[in-house]
Amino acid sequence: MLTGKQRSYLRSLANTIPAIFQVGKNGIDENVIKQFEEALEARELVKASVLKNSLYTAREACHELAEAIGAEPVSVIGNRFVLYKESRENRVIELPD
């Protein structure tokens, strides 16, 4: 579980990264979950957007993906959300205490 300070730090890092995923009308399936897992292992912090034709809101997509892969939701703003999961192999982000 992230503290407020850690969440704030991750939000500041997420400001500079582009959204690399889009959740569309096909929703969230095994393939999308697998892609998020691989991206989180490589980057630790991933930003995604939810298209207007999606069945999900950004908050719903964020929480469903976080639960499916064991990641922490960092923020949901508008149609974008950010997920964080500490990498087992490529730890890059050092969280404040």
PDB file of N, CA and C in Angstrom:
ATOM      1  N   MET A   1       0.842  -1.182   0.000  1.00  0.00           N
ATOM      2  CA  MET A   1       0.000   0.000   0.000  1.00  0.00           C
ATOM      3  C   MET A   1       0.886   1.244   0.000  1.00  0.00           C
ATOM      4  N   LEU A   2       0.576   2.156  -0.887  1.00  0.00           N
ATOM      5  CA  LEU A   2       1.364   3.372  -1.010  1.00  0.00           C
ATOM      6  C   LEU A   2       0.913   4.424  -0.007  1.00  0.00           C
ATOM      7  N   THR A   3       1.876   5.164   0.516  1.00  0.00           N
ATOM      8  CA  THR A   3       1.544   6.294   1.389  1.00  0.00           C
ATOM      9  C   THR A   3       1.218   7.498   0.507  1.00  0.00           C
ATOM     10  N   GLY A   4       0.682   8.541   1.106  1.00  0.00           N
ATOM     11  CA  GLY A   4       0.362   9.756   0.369  1.00  0.00           C
ATOM     12  C   GLY A   4       1.596  10.388  -0.255  1.00  0.00           C
ATOM     13  N   LYS A   5       2.693  10.358   0.478  1.00  0.00           N
ATOM     14  CA  LYS A   5       3.951  10.940  -0.012  1.00  0.00           C
ATOM     15  C   LYS A   5       4.471  10.156  -1.222  1.00  0.00           C
ATOM     16  N   GLN A   6       4.406   8.823  -1.147  1.00  0.00           N
ATOM     17  CA  GLN A   6       4.857   7.986  -2.256  1.00  0.00           C
ATOM     18  C   GLN A   6       3.957   8.183  -3.478  1.00  0.00           C
ATOM     19  N   ARG A   7       2.651   8.242  -3.250  1.00  0.00           N
ATOM     20  CA  ARG A   7       1.702   8.437  -4.344  1.00  0.00           C
ATOM     21  C   ARG A   7       1.959   9.789  -5.029  1.00  0.00           C
ATOM     22  N   SER A   8       2.216  10.820  -4.236  1.00  0.00           N
ATOM     23  CA  SER A   8       2.505  12.142  -4.771  1.00  0.00           C
ATOM     24  C   SER A   8       3.783  12.121  -5.613  1.00  0.00           C
ATOM     25  N   TYR A   9       4.801  11.426  -5.121  1.00  0.00           N
ATOM     26  CA  TYR A   9       6.066  11.307  -5.854  1.00  0.00           C
ATOM     27  C   TYR A   9       5.845  10.593  -7.192  1.00  0.00           C
ATOM     28  N   LEU A  10       5.075   9.503  -7.176  1.00  0.00           N
ATOM     29  CA  LEU A  10       4.803   8.762  -8.406  1.00  0.00           C
ATOM     30  C   LEU A  10       3.978   9.588  -9.392  1.00  0.00           C
ATOM     31  N   ARG A  11       3.047  10.389  -8.878  1.00  0.00           N
ATOM     32  CA  ARG A  11       2.264  11.271  -9.756  1.00  0.00           C
ATOM     33  C   ARG A  11       3.175  12.271 -10.453  1.00  0.00           C
ATOM     34  N   SER A  12       4.158  12.794  -9.721  1.00  0.00           N
ATOM     35  CA  SER A  12       5.082  13.757 -10.330  1.00  0.00           C
ATOM     36  C   SER A  12       5.923  13.099 -11.422  1.00  0.00           C
ATOM     37  N   LEU A  13       6.313  11.841 -11.215  1.00  0.00           N
ATOM     38  CA  LEU A  13       7.055  11.120 -12.254  1.00  0.00           C
ATOM     39  C   LEU A  13       6.170  10.836 -13.461  1.00  0.00           C
ATOM     40  N   ALA A  14       4.900  10.545 -13.218  1.00  0.00           N
ATOM     41  CA  ALA A  14       3.974  10.186 -14.297  1.00  0.00           C
ATOM     42  C   ALA A  14       3.636  11.370 -15.195  1.00  0.00           C
ATOM     43  N   ASN A  15       3.827  12.599 -14.686  1.00  0.00           N
ATOM     44  CA  ASN A  15       3.531  13.775 -15.508  1.00  0.00           C
ATOM     45  C   ASN A  15       4.339  13.800 -16.791  1.00  0.00           C
ATOM     46  N   THR A  16       5.538  13.283 -16.756  1.00  0.00           N
ATOM     47  CA  THR A  16       6.436  13.394 -17.905  1.00  0.00           C
ATOM     48  C   THR A  16       6.364  12.208 -18.858  1.00  0.00           C
ATOM     49  N   ILE A  17       5.661  11.135 -18.480  1.00  0.00           N
ATOM     50  CA  ILE A  17       5.616   9.973 -19.366  1.00  0.00           C
ATOM     51  C   ILE A  17       4.342   9.990 -20.208  1.00  0.00           C
ATOM     52  N   PRO A  18       4.424   9.494 -21.447  1.00  0.00           N
ATOM     53  CA  PRO A  18       3.221   9.446 -22.294  1.00  0.00           C
ATOM     54  C   PRO A  18       2.348   8.241 -21.933  1.00  0.00           C
ATOM     55  N   ALA A  19       1.090   8.306 -22.299  1.00  0.00           N
ATOM     56  CA  ALA A  19       0.193   7.164 -22.120  1.00  0.00           C
ATOM     57  C   ALA A  19       0.553   6.121 -23.178  1.00  0.00           C
ATOM     58  N   ILE A  20       0.933   4.922 -22.741  1.00  0.00           N
ATOM     59  CA  ILE A  20       1.376   3.909 -23.700  1.00  0.00           C
ATOM     60  C   ILE A  20       0.307   2.871 -24.005  1.00  0.00           C
ATOM     61  N   PHE A  21      -0.811   2.908 -23.277  1.00  0.00           N
ATOM     62  CA  PHE A  21      -1.900   1.962 -23.517  1.00  0.00           C
ATOM     63  C   PHE A  21      -3.207   2.707 -23.683  1.00  0.00           C
ATOM     64  N   GLN A  22      -4.123   2.077 -24.426  1.00  0.00           N
ATOM     65  CA  GLN A  22      -5.475   2.588 -24.549  1.00  0.00           C
ATOM     66  C   GLN A  22      -6.435   1.443 -24.293  1.00  0.00           C
ATOM     67  N   VAL A  23      -7.424   1.691 -23.460  1.00  0.00           N
ATOM     68  CA  VAL A  23      -8.478   0.715 -23.219  1.00  0.00           C
ATOM     69  C   VAL A  23      -9.660   1.167 -24.060  1.00  0.00           C
ATOM     70  N   GLY A  24     -10.059   0.321 -25.002  1.00  0.00           N
ATOM     71  CA  GLY A  24     -11.115   0.699 -25.936  1.00  0.00           C
ATOM     72  C   GLY A  24     -12.361  -0.133 -25.780  1.00  0.00           C
ATOM     73  N   LYS A  25     -13.080  -0.279 -26.882  1.00  0.00           N
ATOM     74  CA  LYS A  25     -14.371  -0.967 -26.834  1.00  0.00           C
ATOM     75  C   LYS A  25     -14.243  -2.460 -26.555  1.00  0.00           C
ATOM     76  N   ASN A  26     -13.077  -3.033 -26.776  1.00  0.00           N
ATOM     77  CA  ASN A  26     -12.873  -4.455 -26.479  1.00  0.00           C
ATOM     78  C   ASN A  26     -12.675  -4.706 -24.988  1.00  0.00           C
ATOM     79  N   GLY A  27     -12.491  -3.648 -24.226  1.00  0.00           N
ATOM     80  CA  GLY A  27     -12.378  -3.768 -22.779  1.00  0.00           C
ATOM     81  C   GLY A  27     -11.054  -4.343 -22.328  1.00  0.00           C
ATOM     82  N   ILE A  28     -11.111  -5.063 -21.215  1.00  0.00           N
ATOM     83  CA  ILE A  28      -9.914  -5.628 -20.601  1.00  0.00           C
ATOM     84  C   ILE A  28     -10.003  -7.137 -20.689  1.00  0.00           C
ATOM     85  N   ASP A  29      -9.101  -7.718 -21.483  1.00  0.00           N
ATOM     86  CA  ASP A  29      -9.061  -9.174 -21.614  1.00  0.00           C
ATOM     87  C   ASP A  29      -7.687  -9.681 -21.187  1.00  0.00           C
ATOM     88  N   GLU A  30      -7.456 -10.964 -21.337  1.00  0.00           N
ATOM     89  CA  GLU A  30      -6.184 -11.567 -20.911  1.00  0.00           C
ATOM     90  C   GLU A  30      -4.986 -10.935 -21.614  1.00  0.00           C
ATOM     91  N   ASN A  31      -5.144 -10.591 -22.891  1.00  0.00           N
ATOM     92  CA  ASN A  31      -4.052  -9.997 -23.648  1.00  0.00           C
ATOM     93  C   ASN A  31      -3.668  -8.623 -23.091  1.00  0.00           C
ATOM     94  N   VAL A  32      -4.659  -7.817 -22.770  1.00  0.00           N
ATOM     95  CA  VAL A  32      -4.404  -6.485 -22.202  1.00  0.00           C
ATOM     96  C   VAL A  32      -3.720  -6.628 -20.849  1.00  0.00           C
ATOM     97  N   ILE A  33      -4.197  -7.549 -20.031  1.00  0.00           N
ATOM     98  CA  ILE A  33      -3.595  -7.776 -18.713  1.00  0.00           C
ATOM     99  C   ILE A  33      -2.141  -8.202 -18.854  1.00  0.00           C
ATOM    100  N   LYS A  34      -1.860  -9.089 -19.795  1.00  0.00           N
ATOM    101  CA  LYS A  34      -0.487  -9.560 -20.024  1.00  0.00           C
ATOM    102  C   LYS A  34       0.421  -8.404 -20.463  1.00  0.00           C
ATOM    103  N   GLN A  35      -0.093  -7.542 -21.357  1.00  0.00           N
ATOM    104  CA  GLN A  35       0.703  -6.404 -21.818  1.00  0.00           C
ATOM    105  C   GLN A  35       1.013  -5.439 -20.673  1.00  0.00           C
ATOM    106  N   PHE A  36       0.026  -5.186 -19.810  1.00  0.00           N
ATOM    107  CA  PHE A  36       0.258  -4.314 -18.652  1.00  0.00           C
ATOM    108  C   PHE A  36       1.290  -4.934 -17.715  1.00  0.00           C
ATOM    109  N   GLU A  37       1.197  -6.243 -17.473  1.00  0.00           N
ATOM    110  CA  GLU A  37       2.173  -6.904 -16.595  1.00  0.00           C
ATOM    111  C   GLU A  37       3.585  -6.754 -17.135  1.00  0.00           C
ATOM    112  N   GLU A  38       3.760  -6.976 -18.441  1.00  0.00           N
ATOM    113  CA  GLU A  38       5.087  -6.870 -19.050  1.00  0.00           C
ATOM    114  C   GLU A  38       5.611  -5.434 -18.992  1.00  0.00           C
ATOM    115  N   ALA A  39       4.744  -4.475 -19.270  1.00  0.00           N
ATOM    116  CA  ALA A  39       5.164  -3.072 -19.237  1.00  0.00           C
ATOM    117  C   ALA A  39       5.528  -2.643 -17.821  1.00  0.00           C
ATOM    118  N   LEU A  40       4.758  -3.072 -16.830  1.00  0.00           N
ATOM    119  CA  LEU A  40       5.060  -2.720 -15.443  1.00  0.00           C
ATOM    120  C   LEU A  40       6.356  -3.363 -14.966  1.00  0.00           C
ATOM    121  N   GLU A  41       6.641  -4.563 -15.433  1.00  0.00           N
ATOM    122  CA  GLU A  41       7.903  -5.214 -15.064  1.00  0.00           C
ATOM    123  C   GLU A  41       9.077  -4.431 -15.657  1.00  0.00           C
ATOM    124  N   ALA A  42       8.908  -3.905 -16.858  1.00  0.00           N
ATOM    125  CA  ALA A  42       9.985  -3.174 -17.519  1.00  0.00           C
ATOM    126  C   ALA A  42      10.111  -1.736 -17.023  1.00  0.00           C
ATOM    127  N   ARG A  43       8.984  -1.070 -16.728  1.00  0.00           N
ATOM    128  CA  ARG A  43       9.010   0.360 -16.426  1.00  0.00           C
ATOM    129  C   ARG A  43       8.617   0.727 -15.007  1.00  0.00           C
ATOM    130  N   GLU A  44       7.875  -0.112 -14.336  1.00  0.00           N
ATOM    131  CA  GLU A  44       7.340   0.099 -12.985  1.00  0.00           C
ATOM    132  C   GLU A  44       6.188   1.109 -12.919  1.00  0.00           C
ATOM    133  N   LEU A  45       6.154   2.082 -13.803  1.00  0.00           N
ATOM    134  CA  LEU A  45       5.110   3.103 -13.800  1.00  0.00           C
ATOM    135  C   LEU A  45       4.536   3.206 -15.205  1.00  0.00           C
ATOM    136  N   VAL A  46       3.215   3.019 -15.333  1.00  0.00           N
ATOM    137  CA  VAL A  46       2.578   2.998 -16.648  1.00  0.00           C
ATOM    138  C   VAL A  46       1.358   3.911 -16.631  1.00  0.00           C
ATOM    139  N   LYS A  47       1.253   4.713 -17.688  1.00  0.00           N
ATOM    140  CA  LYS A  47       0.085   5.586 -17.853  1.00  0.00           C
ATOM    141  C   LYS A  47      -0.734   5.049 -19.019  1.00  0.00           C
ATOM    142  N   ALA A  48      -2.059   5.061 -18.852  1.00  0.00           N
ATOM    143  CA  ALA A  48      -2.953   4.580 -19.902  1.00  0.00           C
ATOM    144  C   ALA A  48      -4.150   5.513 -20.009  1.00  0.00           C
ATOM    145  N   SER A  49      -4.799   5.450 -21.169  1.00  0.00           N
ATOM    146  CA  SER A  49      -6.007   6.250 -21.348  1.00  0.00           C
ATOM    147  C   SER A  49      -7.165   5.330 -21.728  1.00  0.00           C
ATOM    148  N   VAL A  50      -8.358   5.785 -21.425  1.00  0.00           N
ATOM    149  CA  VAL A  50      -9.572   5.034 -21.735  1.00  0.00           C
ATOM    150  C   VAL A  50     -10.317   5.809 -22.816  1.00  0.00           C
ATOM    151  N   LEU A  51     -10.594   5.135 -23.925  1.00  0.00           N
ATOM    152  CA  LEU A  51     -11.285   5.781 -25.033  1.00  0.00           C
ATOM    153  C   LEU A  51     -12.762   6.000 -24.708  1.00  0.00           C
ATOM    154  N   LYS A  52     -13.373   6.942 -25.404  1.00  0.00           N
ATOM    155  CA  LYS A  52     -14.782   7.271 -25.140  1.00  0.00           C
ATOM    156  C   LYS A  52     -15.724   6.122 -25.468  1.00  0.00           C
ATOM    157  N   ASN A  53     -15.347   5.256 -26.418  1.00  0.00           N
ATOM    158  CA  ASN A  53     -16.227   4.147 -26.792  1.00  0.00           C
ATOM    159  C   ASN A  53     -16.035   2.916 -25.906  1.00  0.00           C
ATOM    160  N   SER A  54     -15.250   3.038 -24.857  1.00  0.00           N
ATOM    161  CA  SER A  54     -14.997   1.922 -23.949  1.00  0.00           C
ATOM    162  C   SER A  54     -16.190   1.692 -23.029  1.00  0.00           C
ATOM    163  N   LEU A  55     -16.332   0.446 -22.582  1.00  0.00           N
ATOM    164  CA  LEU A  55     -17.374   0.095 -21.624  1.00  0.00           C
ATOM    165  C   LEU A  55     -16.998   0.535 -20.212  1.00  0.00           C
ATOM    166  N   TYR A  56     -15.730   0.876 -20.001  1.00  0.00           N
ATOM    167  CA  TYR A  56     -15.200   1.220 -18.682  1.00  0.00           C
ATOM    168  C   TYR A  56     -14.997   2.726 -18.538  1.00  0.00           C
ATOM    169  N   THR A  57     -15.118   3.209 -17.309  1.00  0.00           N
ATOM    170  CA  THR A  57     -14.609   4.537 -17.000  1.00  0.00           C
ATOM    171  C   THR A  57     -13.128   4.354 -16.662  1.00  0.00           C
ATOM    172  N   ALA A  58     -12.399   5.433 -16.582  1.00  0.00           N
ATOM    173  CA  ALA A  58     -10.968   5.331 -16.246  1.00  0.00           C
ATOM    174  C   ALA A  58     -10.785   4.713 -14.864  1.00  0.00           C
ATOM    175  N   ARG A  59     -11.630   5.095 -13.914  1.00  0.00           N
ATOM    176  CA  ARG A  59     -11.526   4.559 -12.546  1.00  0.00           C
ATOM    177  C   ARG A  59     -11.792   3.054 -12.524  1.00  0.00           C
ATOM    178  N   GLU A  60     -12.812   2.611 -13.237  1.00  0.00           N
ATOM    179  CA  GLU A  60     -13.143   1.179 -13.281  1.00  0.00           C
ATOM    180  C   GLU A  60     -12.017   0.380 -13.925  1.00  0.00           C
ATOM    181  N   ALA A  61     -11.488   0.883 -15.043  1.00  0.00           N
ATOM    182  CA  ALA A  61     -10.397   0.187 -15.729  1.00  0.00           C
ATOM    183  C   ALA A  61      -9.157   0.120 -14.847  1.00  0.00           C
ATOM    184  N   CYS A  62      -8.846   1.230 -14.186  1.00  0.00           N
ATOM    185  CA  CYS A  62      -7.681   1.286 -13.306  1.00  0.00           C
ATOM    186  C   CYS A  62      -7.788   0.249 -12.193  1.00  0.00           C
ATOM    187  N   HIS A  63      -8.924   0.211 -11.513  1.00  0.00           N
ATOM    188  CA  HIS A  63      -9.074  -0.702 -10.384  1.00  0.00           C
ATOM    189  C   HIS A  63      -9.138  -2.159 -10.830  1.00  0.00           C
ATOM    190  N   GLU A  64      -9.762  -2.435 -11.960  1.00  0.00           N
ATOM    191  CA  GLU A  64      -9.816  -3.813 -12.437  1.00  0.00           C
ATOM    192  C   GLU A  64      -8.426  -4.317 -12.822  1.00  0.00           C
ATOM    193  N   LEU A  65      -7.665  -3.491 -13.525  1.00  0.00           N
ATOM    194  CA  LEU A  65      -6.308  -3.891 -13.910  1.00  0.00           C
ATOM    195  C   LEU A  65      -5.405  -4.023 -12.688  1.00  0.00           C
ATOM    196  N   ALA A  66      -5.502  -3.092 -11.768  1.00  0.00           N
ATOM    197  CA  ALA A  66      -4.667  -3.143 -10.564  1.00  0.00           C
ATOM    198  C   ALA A  66      -4.938  -4.420  -9.785  1.00  0.00           C
ATOM    199  N   GLU A  67      -6.198  -4.786  -9.665  1.00  0.00           N
ATOM    200  CA  GLU A  67      -6.557  -6.002  -8.943  1.00  0.00           C
ATOM    201  C   GLU A  67      -6.071  -7.250  -9.676  1.00  0.00           C
ATOM    202  N   ALA A  68      -6.178  -7.242 -11.005  1.00  0.00           N
ATOM    203  CA  ALA A  68      -5.800  -8.416 -11.800  1.00  0.00           C
ATOM    204  C   ALA A  68      -4.304  -8.690 -11.769  1.00  0.00           C
ATOM    205  N   ILE A  69      -3.486  -7.639 -11.695  1.00  0.00           N
ATOM    206  CA  ILE A  69      -2.037  -7.845 -11.774  1.00  0.00           C
ATOM    207  C   ILE A  69      -1.302  -7.505 -10.482  1.00  0.00           C
ATOM    208  N   GLY A  70      -2.015  -7.101  -9.463  1.00  0.00           N
ATOM    209  CA  GLY A  70      -1.375  -6.802  -8.185  1.00  0.00           C
ATOM    210  C   GLY A  70      -0.609  -5.500  -8.178  1.00  0.00           C
ATOM    211  N   ALA A  71      -1.074  -4.527  -8.964  1.00  0.00           N
ATOM    212  CA  ALA A  71      -0.417  -3.221  -9.029  1.00  0.00           C
ATOM    213  C   ALA A  71      -1.138  -2.236  -8.117  1.00  0.00           C
ATOM    214  N   GLU A  72      -0.512  -1.091  -7.912  1.00  0.00           N
ATOM    215  CA  GLU A  72      -1.098  -0.029  -7.093  1.00  0.00           C
ATOM    216  C   GLU A  72      -1.618   1.076  -8.006  1.00  0.00           C
ATOM    217  N   PRO A  73      -2.896   1.449  -7.868  1.00  0.00           N
ATOM    218  CA  PRO A  73      -3.378   2.620  -8.613  1.00  0.00           C
ATOM    219  C   PRO A  73      -2.750   3.881  -8.026  1.00  0.00           C
ATOM    220  N   VAL A  74      -2.177   4.715  -8.887  1.00  0.00           N
ATOM    221  CA  VAL A  74      -1.530   5.943  -8.426  1.00  0.00           C
ATOM    222  C   VAL A  74      -2.482   7.120  -8.561  1.00  0.00           C
ATOM    223  N   SER A  75      -3.060   7.277  -9.748  1.00  0.00           N
ATOM    224  CA  SER A  75      -3.999   8.381  -9.941  1.00  0.00           C
ATOM    225  C   SER A  75      -4.942   8.095 -11.089  1.00  0.00           C
ATOM    226  N   VAL A  76      -6.104   8.721 -11.025  1.00  0.00           N
ATOM    227  CA  VAL A  76      -7.078   8.688 -12.110  1.00  0.00           C
ATOM    228  C   VAL A  76      -7.527  10.123 -12.324  1.00  0.00           C
ATOM    229  N   ILE A  77      -7.238  10.651 -13.502  1.00  0.00           N
ATOM    230  CA  ILE A  77      -7.628  12.025 -13.827  1.00  0.00           C
ATOM    231  C   ILE A  77      -8.240  12.010 -15.222  1.00  0.00           C
ATOM    232  N   GLY A  78      -9.489  12.413 -15.311  1.00  0.00           N
ATOM    233  CA  GLY A  78     -10.173  12.439 -16.605  1.00  0.00           C
ATOM    234  C   GLY A  78     -10.277  11.048 -17.183  1.00  0.00           C
ATOM    235  N   ASN A  79      -9.751  10.870 -18.386  1.00  0.00           N
ATOM    236  CA  ASN A  79      -9.794   9.554 -19.024  1.00  0.00           C
ATOM    237  C   ASN A  79      -8.446   8.832 -18.944  1.00  0.00           C
ATOM    238  N   ARG A  80      -7.548   9.292 -18.071  1.00  0.00           N
ATOM    239  CA  ARG A  80      -6.226   8.661 -17.923  1.00  0.00           C
ATOM    240  C   ARG A  80      -6.035   8.130 -16.515  1.00  0.00           C
ATOM    241  N   PHE A  81      -5.220   7.079 -16.439  1.00  0.00           N
ATOM    242  CA  PHE A  81      -4.885   6.551 -15.115  1.00  0.00           C
ATOM    243  C   PHE A  81      -3.447   6.069 -15.116  1.00  0.00           C
ATOM    244  N   VAL A  82      -2.883   5.968 -13.924  1.00  0.00           N
ATOM    245  CA  VAL A  82      -1.484   5.568 -13.745  1.00  0.00           C
ATOM    246  C   VAL A  82      -1.433   4.405 -12.767  1.00  0.00           C
ATOM    247  N   LEU A  83      -0.664   3.379 -13.129  1.00  0.00           N
ATOM    248  CA  LEU A  83      -0.458   2.212 -12.273  1.00  0.00           C
ATOM    249  C   LEU A  83       1.021   2.081 -11.929  1.00  0.00           C
ATOM    250  N   TYR A  84       1.304   1.570 -10.727  1.00  0.00           N
ATOM    251  CA  TYR A  84       2.676   1.324 -10.281  1.00  0.00           C
ATOM    252  C   TYR A  84       2.773  -0.094  -9.732  1.00  0.00           C
ATOM    253  N   LYS A  85       3.838  -0.759 -10.107  1.00  0.00           N
ATOM    254  CA  LYS A  85       4.156  -2.061  -9.513  1.00  0.00           C
ATOM    255  C   LYS A  85       5.667  -2.193  -9.491  1.00  0.00           C
ATOM    256  N   GLU A  86       6.204  -2.489  -8.324  1.00  0.00           N
ATOM    257  CA  GLU A  86       7.651  -2.633  -8.186  1.00  0.00           C
ATOM    258  C   GLU A  86       8.131  -3.805  -9.029  1.00  0.00           C
ATOM    259  N   SER A  87       9.167  -3.573  -9.811  1.00  0.00           N
ATOM    260  CA  SER A  87       9.723  -4.597 -10.682  1.00  0.00           C
ATOM    261  C   SER A  87      10.570  -5.585  -9.877  1.00  0.00           C
ATOM    262  N   ARG A  88      10.481  -6.842 -10.246  1.00  0.00           N
ATOM    263  CA  ARG A  88      11.298  -7.856  -9.574  1.00  0.00           C
ATOM    264  C   ARG A  88      12.737  -7.826 -10.079  1.00  0.00           C
ATOM    265  N   GLU A  89      12.927  -7.516 -11.347  1.00  0.00           N
ATOM    266  CA  GLU A  89      14.252  -7.589 -11.965  1.00  0.00           C
ATOM    267  C   GLU A  89      14.883  -6.211 -12.218  1.00  0.00           C
ATOM    268  N   ASN A  90      14.079  -5.238 -12.638  1.00  0.00           N
ATOM    269  CA  ASN A  90      14.600  -3.945 -13.097  1.00  0.00           C
ATOM    270  C   ASN A  90      14.163  -2.798 -12.198  1.00  0.00           C
ATOM    271  N   ARG A  91      14.452  -2.846 -10.920  1.00  0.00           N
ATOM    272  CA  ARG A  91      14.036  -1.764 -10.020  1.00  0.00           C
ATOM    273  C   ARG A  91      14.716  -0.468 -10.384  1.00  0.00           C
ATOM    274  N   VAL A  92      13.919   0.527 -10.718  1.00  0.00           N
ATOM    275  CA  VAL A  92      14.448   1.817 -11.122  1.00  0.00           C
ATOM    276  C   VAL A  92      13.972   2.918 -10.172  1.00  0.00           C
ATOM    277  N   ILE A  93      12.707   2.879  -9.810  1.00  0.00           N
ATOM    278  CA  ILE A  93      12.112   3.936  -9.000  1.00  0.00           C
ATOM    279  C   ILE A  93      12.362   3.648  -7.513  1.00  0.00           C
ATOM    280  N   GLU A  94      12.937   4.635  -6.849  1.00  0.00           N
ATOM    281  CA  GLU A  94      13.191   4.551  -5.416  1.00  0.00           C
ATOM    282  C   GLU A  94      12.148   5.412  -4.708  1.00  0.00           C
ATOM    283  N   LEU A  95      11.232   4.767  -4.012  1.00  0.00           N
ATOM    284  CA  LEU A  95      10.150   5.482  -3.339  1.00  0.00           C
ATOM    285  C   LEU A  95      10.636   6.139  -2.060  1.00  0.00           C
ATOM    286  N   PRO A  96      10.128   7.356  -1.756  1.00  0.00           N
ATOM    287  CA  PRO A  96      10.485   7.989  -0.471  1.00  0.00           C
ATOM    288  C   PRO A  96       9.822   7.248   0.692  1.00  0.00           C
ATOM    289  N   ASP A  97      10.395   7.371   1.880  1.00  0.00           N
ATOM    290  CA  ASP A  97       9.838   6.680   3.055  1.00  0.00           C
ATOM    291  C   ASP A  97       8.600   7.349   3.577  1.00  0.00           C
TER     292      ASP A  97
END
